[in-house]
Structures are given as C-alpha cells and as structure tokens.
N, C-alpha and C. Protein backbone atom coordinates (compact mmCIF):
# COMPACT_ATOMS: atom_id res chain seq x y z
N MET A 1 -21.72 -17.90 1.59
CA MET A 1 -21.42 -16.79 0.69
C MET A 1 -20.61 -15.71 1.42
N THR A 2 -19.63 -15.12 0.75
CA THR A 2 -18.79 -14.10 1.34
C THR A 2 -19.60 -12.84 1.62
N GLU A 3 -19.41 -12.28 2.81
CA GLU A 3 -20.09 -11.04 3.17
C GLU A 3 -19.37 -9.85 2.54
N PRO A 4 -20.11 -8.82 2.12
CA PRO A 4 -19.45 -7.60 1.66
C PRO A 4 -18.77 -6.88 2.81
N LEU A 5 -17.73 -6.13 2.49
CA LEU A 5 -17.08 -5.30 3.50
C LEU A 5 -17.96 -4.11 3.84
N ILE A 6 -18.60 -3.54 2.83
CA ILE A 6 -19.48 -2.39 3.01
C ILE A 6 -20.73 -2.61 2.18
N ARG A 7 -21.87 -2.32 2.77
CA ARG A 7 -23.12 -2.32 2.00
C ARG A 7 -23.95 -1.10 2.42
N LEU A 8 -24.20 -0.22 1.46
CA LEU A 8 -25.08 0.91 1.66
C LEU A 8 -26.34 0.66 0.84
N ALA A 9 -27.50 0.84 1.46
CA ALA A 9 -28.75 0.54 0.76
C ALA A 9 -29.77 1.65 1.00
N GLY A 10 -30.21 2.26 -0.09
CA GLY A 10 -31.29 3.23 -0.02
C GLY A 10 -30.98 4.48 0.77
N LEU A 11 -29.73 4.95 0.72
CA LEU A 11 -29.36 6.10 1.53
C LEU A 11 -29.97 7.39 1.00
N LYS A 12 -30.54 8.15 1.92
CA LYS A 12 -31.02 9.49 1.60
C LYS A 12 -30.40 10.46 2.60
N PHE A 13 -29.88 11.57 2.05
CA PHE A 13 -29.25 12.56 2.92
C PHE A 13 -29.27 13.91 2.23
N GLY A 14 -29.55 14.95 3.00
CA GLY A 14 -29.48 16.31 2.50
C GLY A 14 -28.96 17.23 3.57
N TYR A 15 -28.22 18.26 3.15
CA TYR A 15 -27.73 19.26 4.08
C TYR A 15 -28.81 20.30 4.31
N PRO A 16 -28.84 20.93 5.50
CA PRO A 16 -29.92 21.87 5.84
C PRO A 16 -30.12 22.94 4.77
N GLY A 17 -31.36 23.13 4.38
CA GLY A 17 -31.70 24.17 3.42
C GLY A 17 -31.37 23.86 1.98
N ARG A 18 -30.96 22.62 1.71
CA ARG A 18 -30.60 22.24 0.33
C ARG A 18 -31.31 20.95 -0.05
N PRO A 19 -31.50 20.71 -1.37
CA PRO A 19 -32.11 19.45 -1.80
C PRO A 19 -31.24 18.26 -1.40
N ASP A 20 -31.85 17.08 -1.31
CA ASP A 20 -31.09 15.87 -0.99
C ASP A 20 -29.95 15.67 -1.99
N VAL A 21 -28.76 15.36 -1.45
CA VAL A 21 -27.64 15.02 -2.33
C VAL A 21 -27.63 13.52 -2.61
N LEU A 22 -28.07 12.71 -1.67
CA LEU A 22 -28.24 11.27 -1.87
C LEU A 22 -29.73 10.96 -1.87
N ARG A 23 -30.15 10.21 -2.89
CA ARG A 23 -31.60 9.99 -3.08
C ARG A 23 -31.88 8.50 -3.33
N GLY A 24 -31.43 7.70 -2.37
CA GLY A 24 -31.62 6.26 -2.51
C GLY A 24 -30.37 5.56 -2.99
N LEU A 25 -29.22 6.03 -2.55
CA LEU A 25 -27.94 5.50 -3.03
C LEU A 25 -27.67 4.10 -2.50
N ASP A 26 -27.21 3.22 -3.39
CA ASP A 26 -26.76 1.87 -3.04
C ASP A 26 -25.30 1.73 -3.42
N LEU A 27 -24.52 1.02 -2.60
CA LEU A 27 -23.11 0.78 -2.90
C LEU A 27 -22.66 -0.44 -2.12
N THR A 28 -21.96 -1.35 -2.81
CA THR A 28 -21.44 -2.55 -2.15
C THR A 28 -19.97 -2.72 -2.48
N VAL A 29 -19.17 -2.94 -1.46
CA VAL A 29 -17.74 -3.20 -1.63
C VAL A 29 -17.45 -4.61 -1.14
N TRP A 30 -16.94 -5.46 -2.03
CA TRP A 30 -16.66 -6.86 -1.71
C TRP A 30 -15.20 -7.03 -1.31
N PRO A 31 -14.84 -8.15 -0.70
CA PRO A 31 -13.46 -8.36 -0.25
C PRO A 31 -12.41 -8.38 -1.36
N ASP A 32 -12.83 -8.49 -2.60
CA ASP A 32 -11.86 -8.43 -3.70
C ASP A 32 -12.04 -7.18 -4.56
N SER A 33 -12.77 -6.19 -4.05
CA SER A 33 -13.08 -4.99 -4.83
C SER A 33 -11.86 -4.09 -5.02
N ARG A 34 -11.75 -3.57 -6.23
CA ARG A 34 -10.84 -2.45 -6.53
C ARG A 34 -11.71 -1.45 -7.28
N LEU A 35 -12.40 -0.63 -6.51
CA LEU A 35 -13.55 0.12 -7.01
C LEU A 35 -13.28 1.62 -7.00
N GLY A 36 -13.65 2.28 -8.09
CA GLY A 36 -13.57 3.72 -8.17
C GLY A 36 -14.96 4.33 -8.10
N LEU A 37 -15.08 5.42 -7.37
CA LEU A 37 -16.35 6.15 -7.25
C LEU A 37 -16.13 7.54 -7.83
N VAL A 38 -16.90 7.88 -8.86
CA VAL A 38 -16.68 9.13 -9.59
C VAL A 38 -17.98 9.92 -9.68
N GLY A 39 -17.84 11.15 -10.19
CA GLY A 39 -18.98 12.01 -10.37
C GLY A 39 -18.55 13.46 -10.20
N PRO A 40 -19.37 14.40 -10.64
CA PRO A 40 -19.01 15.83 -10.54
C PRO A 40 -18.97 16.31 -9.11
N ASN A 41 -18.33 17.45 -8.92
CA ASN A 41 -18.30 18.06 -7.59
C ASN A 41 -19.72 18.27 -7.09
N GLY A 42 -19.94 17.93 -5.82
CA GLY A 42 -21.25 18.14 -5.21
C GLY A 42 -22.24 17.02 -5.43
N CYS A 43 -21.80 15.93 -6.08
CA CYS A 43 -22.74 14.83 -6.38
C CYS A 43 -22.98 13.92 -5.18
N GLY A 44 -22.12 13.99 -4.16
CA GLY A 44 -22.33 13.17 -2.97
C GLY A 44 -21.26 12.15 -2.68
N LYS A 45 -20.12 12.22 -3.38
CA LYS A 45 -19.06 11.22 -3.16
C LYS A 45 -18.51 11.29 -1.74
N THR A 46 -18.10 12.49 -1.34
CA THR A 46 -17.53 12.63 0.00
C THR A 46 -18.61 12.42 1.07
N THR A 47 -19.84 12.80 0.76
CA THR A 47 -20.94 12.54 1.68
C THR A 47 -21.09 11.04 1.93
N ALA A 48 -21.01 10.25 0.86
CA ALA A 48 -21.11 8.79 0.99
C ALA A 48 -19.98 8.25 1.86
N LEU A 49 -18.75 8.76 1.66
CA LEU A 49 -17.63 8.31 2.48
C LEU A 49 -17.84 8.69 3.95
N SER A 50 -18.36 9.89 4.17
CA SER A 50 -18.60 10.33 5.54
C SER A 50 -19.63 9.45 6.24
N ILE A 51 -20.62 8.98 5.49
CA ILE A 51 -21.61 8.07 6.06
C ILE A 51 -20.98 6.72 6.37
N ILE A 52 -20.14 6.23 5.46
CA ILE A 52 -19.45 4.96 5.70
C ILE A 52 -18.64 5.02 7.00
N MET A 53 -17.99 6.15 7.24
CA MET A 53 -17.14 6.30 8.41
C MET A 53 -17.92 6.69 9.66
N GLY A 54 -19.22 6.89 9.51
CA GLY A 54 -20.03 7.25 10.67
C GLY A 54 -19.88 8.69 11.10
N LEU A 55 -19.38 9.55 10.21
CA LEU A 55 -19.18 10.96 10.55
C LEU A 55 -20.47 11.75 10.41
N ILE A 56 -21.35 11.31 9.54
CA ILE A 56 -22.69 11.88 9.42
C ILE A 56 -23.69 10.72 9.32
N LYS A 57 -24.94 11.01 9.61
CA LYS A 57 -25.97 9.98 9.65
C LYS A 57 -26.99 10.21 8.54
N PRO A 58 -27.30 9.19 7.75
CA PRO A 58 -28.31 9.37 6.71
C PRO A 58 -29.70 9.54 7.30
N ARG A 59 -30.56 10.23 6.56
CA ARG A 59 -31.95 10.38 7.01
C ARG A 59 -32.71 9.07 6.86
N GLU A 60 -32.39 8.35 5.80
CA GLU A 60 -32.99 7.04 5.56
C GLU A 60 -31.92 6.11 5.00
N GLY A 61 -32.17 4.80 5.10
CA GLY A 61 -31.28 3.82 4.51
C GLY A 61 -30.54 2.99 5.54
N ARG A 62 -29.80 2.03 5.03
CA ARG A 62 -29.11 1.05 5.88
C ARG A 62 -27.61 1.09 5.59
N VAL A 63 -26.83 1.08 6.64
CA VAL A 63 -25.37 1.06 6.54
C VAL A 63 -24.87 -0.20 7.23
N GLU A 64 -24.20 -1.08 6.47
CA GLU A 64 -23.59 -2.27 7.04
C GLU A 64 -22.09 -2.24 6.80
N ILE A 65 -21.32 -2.39 7.85
CA ILE A 65 -19.86 -2.41 7.78
C ILE A 65 -19.38 -3.75 8.34
N LEU A 66 -18.66 -4.50 7.52
CA LEU A 66 -18.12 -5.80 7.94
C LEU A 66 -19.22 -6.69 8.51
N GLY A 67 -20.38 -6.66 7.86
CA GLY A 67 -21.48 -7.54 8.24
C GLY A 67 -22.33 -7.06 9.39
N ARG A 68 -22.03 -5.87 9.91
CA ARG A 68 -22.80 -5.34 11.05
C ARG A 68 -23.54 -4.07 10.65
N GLU A 69 -24.81 -4.00 11.01
CA GLU A 69 -25.55 -2.77 10.76
C GLU A 69 -25.08 -1.70 11.74
N CYS A 70 -24.86 -0.50 11.21
CA CYS A 70 -24.36 0.60 12.01
C CYS A 70 -25.36 1.75 11.99
N ARG A 71 -25.81 2.12 13.18
CA ARG A 71 -26.76 3.21 13.30
C ARG A 71 -26.27 4.34 14.20
N ARG A 72 -25.51 3.97 15.23
CA ARG A 72 -25.06 4.94 16.22
C ARG A 72 -23.55 5.04 16.22
N GLU A 73 -23.02 6.08 16.85
CA GLU A 73 -21.58 6.26 16.95
C GLU A 73 -20.91 5.03 17.55
N ALA A 74 -21.53 4.44 18.57
CA ALA A 74 -20.95 3.26 19.21
C ALA A 74 -20.77 2.10 18.24
N ASP A 75 -21.63 2.03 17.23
CA ASP A 75 -21.53 0.94 16.26
C ASP A 75 -20.29 1.06 15.38
N PHE A 76 -19.80 2.29 15.19
CA PHE A 76 -18.68 2.54 14.28
C PHE A 76 -17.32 2.50 14.97
N LEU A 77 -17.29 2.62 16.28
CA LEU A 77 -16.03 2.87 16.99
C LEU A 77 -14.96 1.83 16.70
N ASP A 78 -15.31 0.55 16.82
CA ASP A 78 -14.28 -0.48 16.62
C ASP A 78 -14.16 -0.90 15.15
N LEU A 79 -15.00 -0.34 14.29
CA LEU A 79 -14.95 -0.69 12.86
C LEU A 79 -14.09 0.29 12.06
N ARG A 80 -14.03 1.54 12.50
CA ARG A 80 -13.29 2.55 11.73
C ARG A 80 -11.84 2.15 11.45
N PRO A 81 -11.09 1.64 12.46
CA PRO A 81 -9.70 1.29 12.16
C PRO A 81 -9.56 0.23 11.07
N GLN A 82 -10.59 -0.57 10.88
CA GLN A 82 -10.52 -1.65 9.89
C GLN A 82 -10.82 -1.19 8.47
N LEU A 83 -11.21 0.08 8.32
CA LEU A 83 -11.58 0.60 7.00
C LEU A 83 -10.45 1.36 6.30
N GLY A 84 -9.40 1.73 7.02
CA GLY A 84 -8.23 2.32 6.38
C GLY A 84 -8.53 3.58 5.60
N PHE A 85 -9.19 4.55 6.24
CA PHE A 85 -9.59 5.78 5.55
C PHE A 85 -8.42 6.74 5.45
N VAL A 86 -8.21 7.32 4.24
CA VAL A 86 -7.16 8.31 4.01
C VAL A 86 -7.81 9.58 3.49
N PHE A 87 -7.65 10.67 4.24
CA PHE A 87 -8.26 11.94 3.90
C PHE A 87 -7.67 12.53 2.62
N GLN A 88 -8.46 13.40 1.99
CA GLN A 88 -7.97 14.10 0.80
C GLN A 88 -6.76 14.96 1.12
N ASP A 89 -6.80 15.66 2.25
CA ASP A 89 -5.70 16.52 2.68
C ASP A 89 -4.93 15.80 3.78
N ALA A 90 -3.70 15.43 3.48
CA ALA A 90 -2.90 14.68 4.46
C ALA A 90 -2.72 15.45 5.76
N ASP A 91 -2.74 16.77 5.71
CA ASP A 91 -2.56 17.56 6.93
C ASP A 91 -3.71 17.37 7.91
N ASP A 92 -4.85 16.89 7.42
CA ASP A 92 -5.97 16.59 8.31
C ASP A 92 -5.75 15.28 9.08
N GLN A 93 -4.77 14.50 8.64
CA GLN A 93 -4.54 13.18 9.22
C GLN A 93 -3.27 13.10 10.04
N LEU A 94 -2.34 14.03 9.81
CA LEU A 94 -1.03 13.99 10.46
C LEU A 94 -0.95 15.11 11.48
N PHE A 95 -0.69 14.76 12.73
CA PHE A 95 -0.69 15.78 13.77
C PHE A 95 0.41 15.59 14.80
N CYS A 96 1.22 14.56 14.65
CA CYS A 96 2.33 14.34 15.59
C CYS A 96 3.61 14.99 15.04
N PRO A 97 4.59 15.23 15.89
CA PRO A 97 5.81 15.91 15.43
C PRO A 97 6.60 15.13 14.39
N THR A 98 6.67 13.81 14.53
CA THR A 98 7.49 13.02 13.61
C THR A 98 6.67 11.94 12.91
N VAL A 99 7.23 11.44 11.83
CA VAL A 99 6.58 10.37 11.07
C VAL A 99 6.36 9.15 11.94
N GLY A 100 7.39 8.74 12.68
CA GLY A 100 7.26 7.56 13.52
C GLY A 100 6.16 7.70 14.55
N GLU A 101 6.03 8.88 15.14
CA GLU A 101 4.98 9.10 16.14
C GLU A 101 3.60 9.05 15.50
N ASP A 102 3.48 9.61 14.29
CA ASP A 102 2.19 9.55 13.59
C ASP A 102 1.79 8.10 13.32
N LEU A 103 2.75 7.29 12.87
CA LEU A 103 2.44 5.90 12.53
C LEU A 103 2.16 5.07 13.79
N ALA A 104 2.79 5.41 14.88
CA ALA A 104 2.62 4.64 16.12
C ALA A 104 1.34 5.03 16.87
N PHE A 105 0.80 6.20 16.60
CA PHE A 105 -0.31 6.73 17.38
C PHE A 105 -1.51 5.78 17.40
N GLY A 106 -1.94 5.32 16.23
CA GLY A 106 -3.10 4.44 16.16
C GLY A 106 -2.89 3.12 16.88
N PRO A 107 -1.81 2.38 16.58
CA PRO A 107 -1.58 1.12 17.29
C PRO A 107 -1.51 1.27 18.80
N LEU A 108 -0.86 2.33 19.26
CA LEU A 108 -0.77 2.54 20.71
C LEU A 108 -2.15 2.76 21.32
N ASN A 109 -3.00 3.51 20.62
CA ASN A 109 -4.34 3.76 21.13
C ASN A 109 -5.23 2.53 21.08
N LEU A 110 -4.85 1.56 20.24
CA LEU A 110 -5.60 0.31 20.18
C LEU A 110 -5.04 -0.75 21.11
N GLY A 111 -4.04 -0.37 21.92
CA GLY A 111 -3.55 -1.28 22.95
C GLY A 111 -2.22 -1.93 22.68
N ALA A 112 -1.55 -1.58 21.57
CA ALA A 112 -0.23 -2.16 21.30
C ALA A 112 0.79 -1.65 22.32
N SER A 113 1.77 -2.49 22.62
CA SER A 113 2.86 -2.05 23.49
C SER A 113 3.80 -1.15 22.68
N ARG A 114 4.70 -0.46 23.37
CA ARG A 114 5.68 0.39 22.68
C ARG A 114 6.51 -0.43 21.70
N ALA A 115 6.91 -1.63 22.12
CA ALA A 115 7.72 -2.48 21.26
C ALA A 115 6.92 -2.94 20.04
N GLN A 116 5.67 -3.32 20.25
CA GLN A 116 4.82 -3.73 19.14
C GLN A 116 4.59 -2.57 18.17
N ALA A 117 4.35 -1.39 18.71
CA ALA A 117 4.12 -0.22 17.86
C ALA A 117 5.37 0.11 17.05
N ALA A 118 6.53 0.00 17.67
CA ALA A 118 7.78 0.27 16.96
C ALA A 118 7.98 -0.70 15.81
N GLU A 119 7.62 -1.96 16.02
CA GLU A 119 7.72 -2.95 14.96
C GLU A 119 6.75 -2.63 13.82
N ILE A 120 5.54 -2.24 14.17
CA ILE A 120 4.55 -1.88 13.16
C ILE A 120 5.03 -0.67 12.35
N VAL A 121 5.63 0.29 13.02
CA VAL A 121 6.15 1.47 12.33
C VAL A 121 7.19 1.07 11.29
N GLN A 122 8.11 0.20 11.66
CA GLN A 122 9.16 -0.21 10.73
C GLN A 122 8.58 -1.01 9.55
N GLU A 123 7.63 -1.88 9.83
CA GLU A 123 6.99 -2.65 8.75
C GLU A 123 6.26 -1.72 7.79
N THR A 124 5.57 -0.73 8.35
CA THR A 124 4.80 0.19 7.53
C THR A 124 5.72 1.05 6.67
N LEU A 125 6.79 1.55 7.25
CA LEU A 125 7.73 2.36 6.47
C LEU A 125 8.34 1.55 5.33
N GLN A 126 8.60 0.27 5.57
CA GLN A 126 9.14 -0.58 4.52
C GLN A 126 8.13 -0.76 3.40
N THR A 127 6.87 -0.99 3.75
CA THR A 127 5.82 -1.13 2.74
C THR A 127 5.71 0.12 1.88
N LEU A 128 5.88 1.28 2.49
CA LEU A 128 5.74 2.56 1.79
C LEU A 128 7.00 2.98 1.04
N GLY A 129 8.09 2.25 1.22
CA GLY A 129 9.35 2.68 0.63
C GLY A 129 9.92 3.90 1.30
N LEU A 130 9.65 4.05 2.60
CA LEU A 130 10.11 5.22 3.37
C LEU A 130 11.03 4.81 4.52
N GLU A 131 11.84 3.79 4.30
CA GLU A 131 12.76 3.36 5.34
C GLU A 131 13.61 4.54 5.82
N GLY A 132 13.76 4.67 7.12
CA GLY A 132 14.56 5.74 7.67
C GLY A 132 13.79 7.03 7.92
N PHE A 133 12.52 7.07 7.57
CA PHE A 133 11.74 8.29 7.73
C PHE A 133 11.18 8.47 9.14
N GLY A 134 11.32 7.48 10.02
CA GLY A 134 10.71 7.56 11.34
C GLY A 134 11.00 8.85 12.09
N PRO A 135 12.26 9.30 12.14
CA PRO A 135 12.57 10.52 12.90
C PRO A 135 12.25 11.82 12.16
N ARG A 136 11.87 11.72 10.89
CA ARG A 136 11.65 12.94 10.10
C ARG A 136 10.49 13.76 10.67
N VAL A 137 10.63 15.07 10.61
CA VAL A 137 9.57 15.98 11.05
C VAL A 137 8.49 16.00 9.97
N THR A 138 7.28 15.65 10.35
CA THR A 138 6.19 15.53 9.38
C THR A 138 5.96 16.83 8.62
N TYR A 139 6.05 17.95 9.33
CA TYR A 139 5.78 19.25 8.72
C TYR A 139 6.71 19.54 7.54
N ASP A 140 7.91 18.98 7.58
CA ASP A 140 8.92 19.28 6.57
C ASP A 140 8.84 18.37 5.34
N LEU A 141 7.94 17.42 5.31
CA LEU A 141 7.84 16.49 4.19
C LEU A 141 7.21 17.16 2.98
N SER A 142 7.50 16.61 1.81
CA SER A 142 6.82 17.06 0.59
C SER A 142 5.37 16.59 0.59
N GLY A 143 4.57 17.14 -0.32
CA GLY A 143 3.17 16.73 -0.40
C GLY A 143 3.01 15.24 -0.66
N GLY A 144 3.84 14.69 -1.55
CA GLY A 144 3.76 13.27 -1.84
C GLY A 144 4.17 12.42 -0.66
N GLU A 145 5.21 12.85 0.06
CA GLU A 145 5.64 12.11 1.25
C GLU A 145 4.57 12.14 2.34
N LYS A 146 3.94 13.30 2.52
CA LYS A 146 2.86 13.39 3.50
C LYS A 146 1.72 12.45 3.16
N LYS A 147 1.40 12.37 1.86
CA LYS A 147 0.30 11.48 1.45
C LYS A 147 0.66 10.03 1.75
N LEU A 148 1.89 9.64 1.52
CA LEU A 148 2.32 8.27 1.83
C LEU A 148 2.27 8.01 3.33
N VAL A 149 2.67 8.98 4.14
CA VAL A 149 2.62 8.79 5.59
C VAL A 149 1.16 8.71 6.05
N ALA A 150 0.28 9.53 5.46
CA ALA A 150 -1.14 9.44 5.79
C ALA A 150 -1.68 8.05 5.48
N LEU A 151 -1.29 7.51 4.33
CA LEU A 151 -1.64 6.13 4.01
C LEU A 151 -1.08 5.18 5.06
N GLY A 152 0.15 5.46 5.49
CA GLY A 152 0.78 4.62 6.50
C GLY A 152 0.03 4.61 7.82
N THR A 153 -0.56 5.75 8.21
CA THR A 153 -1.31 5.76 9.47
C THR A 153 -2.51 4.83 9.40
N ALA A 154 -3.08 4.68 8.18
CA ALA A 154 -4.17 3.73 8.01
C ALA A 154 -3.64 2.30 8.01
N LEU A 155 -2.54 2.05 7.31
CA LEU A 155 -1.98 0.70 7.22
C LEU A 155 -1.50 0.19 8.57
N ALA A 156 -1.03 1.10 9.41
CA ALA A 156 -0.51 0.70 10.73
C ALA A 156 -1.60 0.08 11.60
N LEU A 157 -2.85 0.32 11.27
CA LEU A 157 -3.96 -0.24 12.03
C LEU A 157 -4.39 -1.62 11.51
N LYS A 158 -3.67 -2.15 10.52
CA LYS A 158 -3.96 -3.46 9.95
C LYS A 158 -5.41 -3.54 9.44
N PRO A 159 -5.80 -2.64 8.53
CA PRO A 159 -7.19 -2.61 8.08
C PRO A 159 -7.52 -3.77 7.15
N LYS A 160 -8.81 -3.98 6.94
CA LYS A 160 -9.29 -5.00 6.02
C LYS A 160 -9.45 -4.44 4.61
N MET A 161 -9.45 -3.10 4.47
CA MET A 161 -9.57 -2.46 3.16
C MET A 161 -9.04 -1.04 3.29
N LEU A 162 -8.99 -0.32 2.15
CA LEU A 162 -8.61 1.08 2.13
C LEU A 162 -9.71 1.91 1.49
N ILE A 163 -9.91 3.11 2.01
CA ILE A 163 -10.83 4.08 1.41
C ILE A 163 -10.03 5.36 1.20
N LEU A 164 -9.85 5.75 -0.05
CA LEU A 164 -9.00 6.88 -0.40
C LEU A 164 -9.84 7.98 -1.02
N ASP A 165 -9.79 9.18 -0.44
CA ASP A 165 -10.55 10.32 -0.94
C ASP A 165 -9.63 11.25 -1.72
N GLU A 166 -9.78 11.27 -3.04
CA GLU A 166 -8.97 12.12 -3.93
C GLU A 166 -7.48 12.01 -3.60
N PRO A 167 -6.91 10.82 -3.70
CA PRO A 167 -5.54 10.62 -3.21
C PRO A 167 -4.46 11.32 -4.03
N THR A 168 -4.75 11.70 -5.29
CA THR A 168 -3.69 12.28 -6.13
C THR A 168 -3.72 13.80 -6.16
N THR A 169 -4.62 14.42 -5.42
CA THR A 169 -4.74 15.88 -5.44
C THR A 169 -3.41 16.55 -5.08
N PHE A 170 -2.97 17.47 -5.94
CA PHE A 170 -1.75 18.27 -5.75
C PHE A 170 -0.46 17.45 -5.77
N LEU A 171 -0.51 16.19 -6.24
CA LEU A 171 0.71 15.38 -6.31
C LEU A 171 1.29 15.42 -7.71
N ASP A 172 2.63 15.41 -7.80
CA ASP A 172 3.27 15.31 -9.11
C ASP A 172 3.30 13.86 -9.56
N ARG A 173 3.75 13.66 -10.80
CA ARG A 173 3.68 12.31 -11.38
C ARG A 173 4.50 11.30 -10.59
N ARG A 174 5.66 11.70 -10.11
CA ARG A 174 6.51 10.77 -9.35
C ARG A 174 5.81 10.36 -8.05
N SER A 175 5.21 11.33 -7.36
CA SER A 175 4.54 11.03 -6.10
C SER A 175 3.32 10.13 -6.32
N ILE A 176 2.61 10.37 -7.43
CA ILE A 176 1.46 9.51 -7.75
C ILE A 176 1.93 8.07 -7.99
N GLY A 177 3.06 7.93 -8.69
CA GLY A 177 3.60 6.60 -8.93
C GLY A 177 3.96 5.88 -7.65
N ARG A 178 4.55 6.60 -6.70
CA ARG A 178 4.90 6.00 -5.42
C ARG A 178 3.65 5.59 -4.65
N LEU A 179 2.62 6.43 -4.73
CA LEU A 179 1.37 6.11 -4.06
C LEU A 179 0.73 4.86 -4.67
N GLU A 180 0.70 4.79 -5.99
CA GLU A 180 0.14 3.61 -6.66
C GLU A 180 0.87 2.34 -6.22
N THR A 181 2.19 2.41 -6.23
CA THR A 181 2.98 1.24 -5.85
C THR A 181 2.67 0.81 -4.43
N ALA A 182 2.57 1.79 -3.52
CA ALA A 182 2.32 1.47 -2.12
C ALA A 182 0.94 0.85 -1.92
N VAL A 183 -0.07 1.40 -2.57
CA VAL A 183 -1.43 0.86 -2.43
C VAL A 183 -1.50 -0.56 -2.98
N LYS A 184 -0.94 -0.76 -4.15
CA LYS A 184 -0.97 -2.10 -4.75
C LYS A 184 -0.20 -3.11 -3.90
N ALA A 185 0.90 -2.65 -3.29
CA ALA A 185 1.73 -3.56 -2.49
C ALA A 185 0.99 -4.10 -1.28
N THR A 186 -0.02 -3.38 -0.80
CA THR A 186 -0.76 -3.86 0.36
C THR A 186 -1.59 -5.10 0.04
N GLY A 187 -2.02 -5.25 -1.20
CA GLY A 187 -2.90 -6.35 -1.57
C GLY A 187 -4.31 -6.22 -1.04
N LEU A 188 -4.63 -5.07 -0.45
CA LEU A 188 -5.95 -4.87 0.14
C LEU A 188 -6.97 -4.43 -0.90
N PRO A 189 -8.24 -4.78 -0.69
CA PRO A 189 -9.30 -4.20 -1.52
C PRO A 189 -9.41 -2.71 -1.20
N PHE A 190 -9.97 -1.95 -2.14
CA PHE A 190 -10.08 -0.52 -1.88
C PHE A 190 -11.25 0.12 -2.62
N LEU A 191 -11.65 1.26 -2.08
CA LEU A 191 -12.63 2.16 -2.68
C LEU A 191 -11.94 3.51 -2.83
N ILE A 192 -11.86 4.01 -4.07
CA ILE A 192 -11.18 5.27 -4.33
C ILE A 192 -12.16 6.26 -4.92
N VAL A 193 -12.26 7.43 -4.30
CA VAL A 193 -12.97 8.56 -4.88
C VAL A 193 -11.94 9.43 -5.57
N SER A 194 -12.14 9.69 -6.86
CA SER A 194 -11.14 10.47 -7.59
C SER A 194 -11.72 11.07 -8.87
N HIS A 195 -11.20 12.26 -9.20
CA HIS A 195 -11.46 12.86 -10.51
C HIS A 195 -10.36 12.50 -11.52
N ASP A 196 -9.31 11.86 -11.05
CA ASP A 196 -8.14 11.55 -11.88
C ASP A 196 -8.40 10.25 -12.63
N GLN A 197 -8.90 10.39 -13.86
CA GLN A 197 -9.29 9.20 -14.62
C GLN A 197 -8.09 8.36 -15.02
N ASP A 198 -6.95 8.99 -15.31
CA ASP A 198 -5.75 8.21 -15.66
C ASP A 198 -5.31 7.35 -14.47
N PHE A 199 -5.35 7.91 -13.28
CA PHE A 199 -5.01 7.16 -12.07
C PHE A 199 -5.97 5.99 -11.89
N LEU A 200 -7.26 6.24 -12.06
CA LEU A 200 -8.24 5.16 -11.92
C LEU A 200 -8.04 4.09 -12.98
N ASP A 201 -7.67 4.49 -14.19
CA ASP A 201 -7.41 3.50 -15.24
C ASP A 201 -6.37 2.49 -14.79
N ARG A 202 -5.38 2.94 -14.06
CA ARG A 202 -4.29 2.07 -13.63
C ARG A 202 -4.61 1.30 -12.35
N MET A 203 -5.60 1.76 -11.59
CA MET A 203 -5.81 1.22 -10.26
C MET A 203 -7.05 0.33 -10.11
N VAL A 204 -8.16 0.69 -10.72
CA VAL A 204 -9.43 0.05 -10.38
C VAL A 204 -9.85 -0.96 -11.44
N GLU A 205 -10.72 -1.85 -11.03
CA GLU A 205 -11.29 -2.85 -11.94
C GLU A 205 -12.73 -2.53 -12.31
N ALA A 206 -13.36 -1.63 -11.56
CA ALA A 206 -14.74 -1.24 -11.84
C ALA A 206 -14.96 0.17 -11.32
N ARG A 207 -15.94 0.87 -11.94
CA ARG A 207 -16.27 2.23 -11.50
C ARG A 207 -17.76 2.36 -11.33
N LEU A 208 -18.13 3.17 -10.32
CA LEU A 208 -19.50 3.61 -10.15
C LEU A 208 -19.53 5.12 -10.26
N ILE A 209 -20.58 5.65 -10.88
CA ILE A 209 -20.77 7.09 -10.93
C ILE A 209 -22.01 7.45 -10.12
N ILE A 210 -21.93 8.55 -9.38
CA ILE A 210 -23.11 9.06 -8.68
C ILE A 210 -23.77 10.10 -9.55
N GLU A 211 -25.02 9.85 -9.91
CA GLU A 211 -25.82 10.77 -10.69
C GLU A 211 -27.19 10.90 -10.05
N GLU A 212 -27.62 12.13 -9.83
CA GLU A 212 -28.91 12.40 -9.23
C GLU A 212 -29.12 11.61 -7.92
N GLY A 213 -28.02 11.54 -7.16
CA GLY A 213 -28.10 10.93 -5.84
C GLY A 213 -28.09 9.44 -5.78
N GLN A 214 -27.85 8.78 -6.92
CA GLN A 214 -27.82 7.33 -6.97
C GLN A 214 -26.59 6.87 -7.75
N THR A 215 -26.19 5.61 -7.56
CA THR A 215 -25.04 5.08 -8.27
C THR A 215 -25.48 4.21 -9.44
N ARG A 216 -24.62 4.21 -10.46
CA ARG A 216 -24.78 3.27 -11.57
C ARG A 216 -23.39 2.90 -12.08
N PRO A 217 -23.23 1.71 -12.65
CA PRO A 217 -21.93 1.31 -13.17
C PRO A 217 -21.54 2.15 -14.39
N LEU A 218 -20.24 2.34 -14.55
CA LEU A 218 -19.71 2.99 -15.75
C LEU A 218 -19.13 1.94 -16.69
C-alpha cells in the first residue's frame, strides 16, 4: 500500500495563556492529493503547517512525514526540502540580491555544484515562465513575480510535494493565473491553505475545514 506523504494524528496544541487551537486534529496527504485546507482566521491552519514543517511542536499527537515519525528538530532537517513549503509573504522567503541567487541557494546548500545549481536555476525559471529573470534584482519584482520566485525556491529543491500558505494574497488576477499555471505544470501533489474559494475551485480536488480544532471534509 502507498504510504502517505504526511500524516497528522490526534494533534493538540495551544499557545500560552490561550485555549487549545488544535484539539485532536487529523490530516493525511497522499501522493496524488490536491488538497485545500480552509477555515476562519485563528482556526489553526497555519499552526498545522508549522507543525508539519517542524517549526513548532504539538503537545500531543503523532507527526509522520514521508513515512517517518518526526519528534525532534533532527527528524525534520532532511525532510523539509522535500515538502516544498511556500510562505504567505514571499519576502519571508527571498533574501538574496538576485533571482538566480535565490533559486541557487537551496541546491548549493544541499551539496550541488555551481554548474548543477546553474542548471537547476534555468530549469526552474523555464517551469515558472520566467526565462531571463536570473539576473533580476529580487527587490524590484512585482508581488506576483516574487510569489513565483518563492515557489521556484521550493521547486529548485526537487520536492515530493508543495505546501502553499495563502498563495494568492495581494495578487492580481493575472498573477494568480500565472501561479496556477506554474503549480499545475509541476505535476506535484499539494496542500493549499487559502481563503480564496475561486482559486481553490480551480486547483483542488478535495477540501478539509478546521472547526473546533479538528478537520472534517467539505
């Protein structure tokens, strides 16, 4: 039987001085998933993503990533690049002077040679429809272009899936269309957190909503 890419079981988590935001949350992402995660502000969507990425630790529950149980920071280190996480704010993900340097940063840190990284950069730019953007100054890009480059930094790591946190925030219709095209072109499974129901209508095959700290199908 095929293993899930992500399995969260019975997660409980609360921030100091506040009631639990997750109260036994379960979530499974399969290798063919195109899944949307929805719910009102403060329901725990971003908290769940942070737990998946190992940025925070649940008080109770089990986290399995690519078939491995993850409890400590060391358990997540070599798994994070395979999850293709894209932040809500692209500026949180882009920190190099140029687009090419941003895209090359991850592969180089994972041991790629300069030549290999340069090849990955060109392949990624082609996938994104951003040919020729390598020398561009990241700071000068439009919001939509920054979002595509942020996606590119995840794709450059050759992930097994994508996790997108509110990917259409502050984007115009044209930029959203370019983002949709780029995500679909990867052929990768994905988990998308979004309030944009029209975007989800075009992208996902199933939705889960978080209510009272737990998930249920929509």
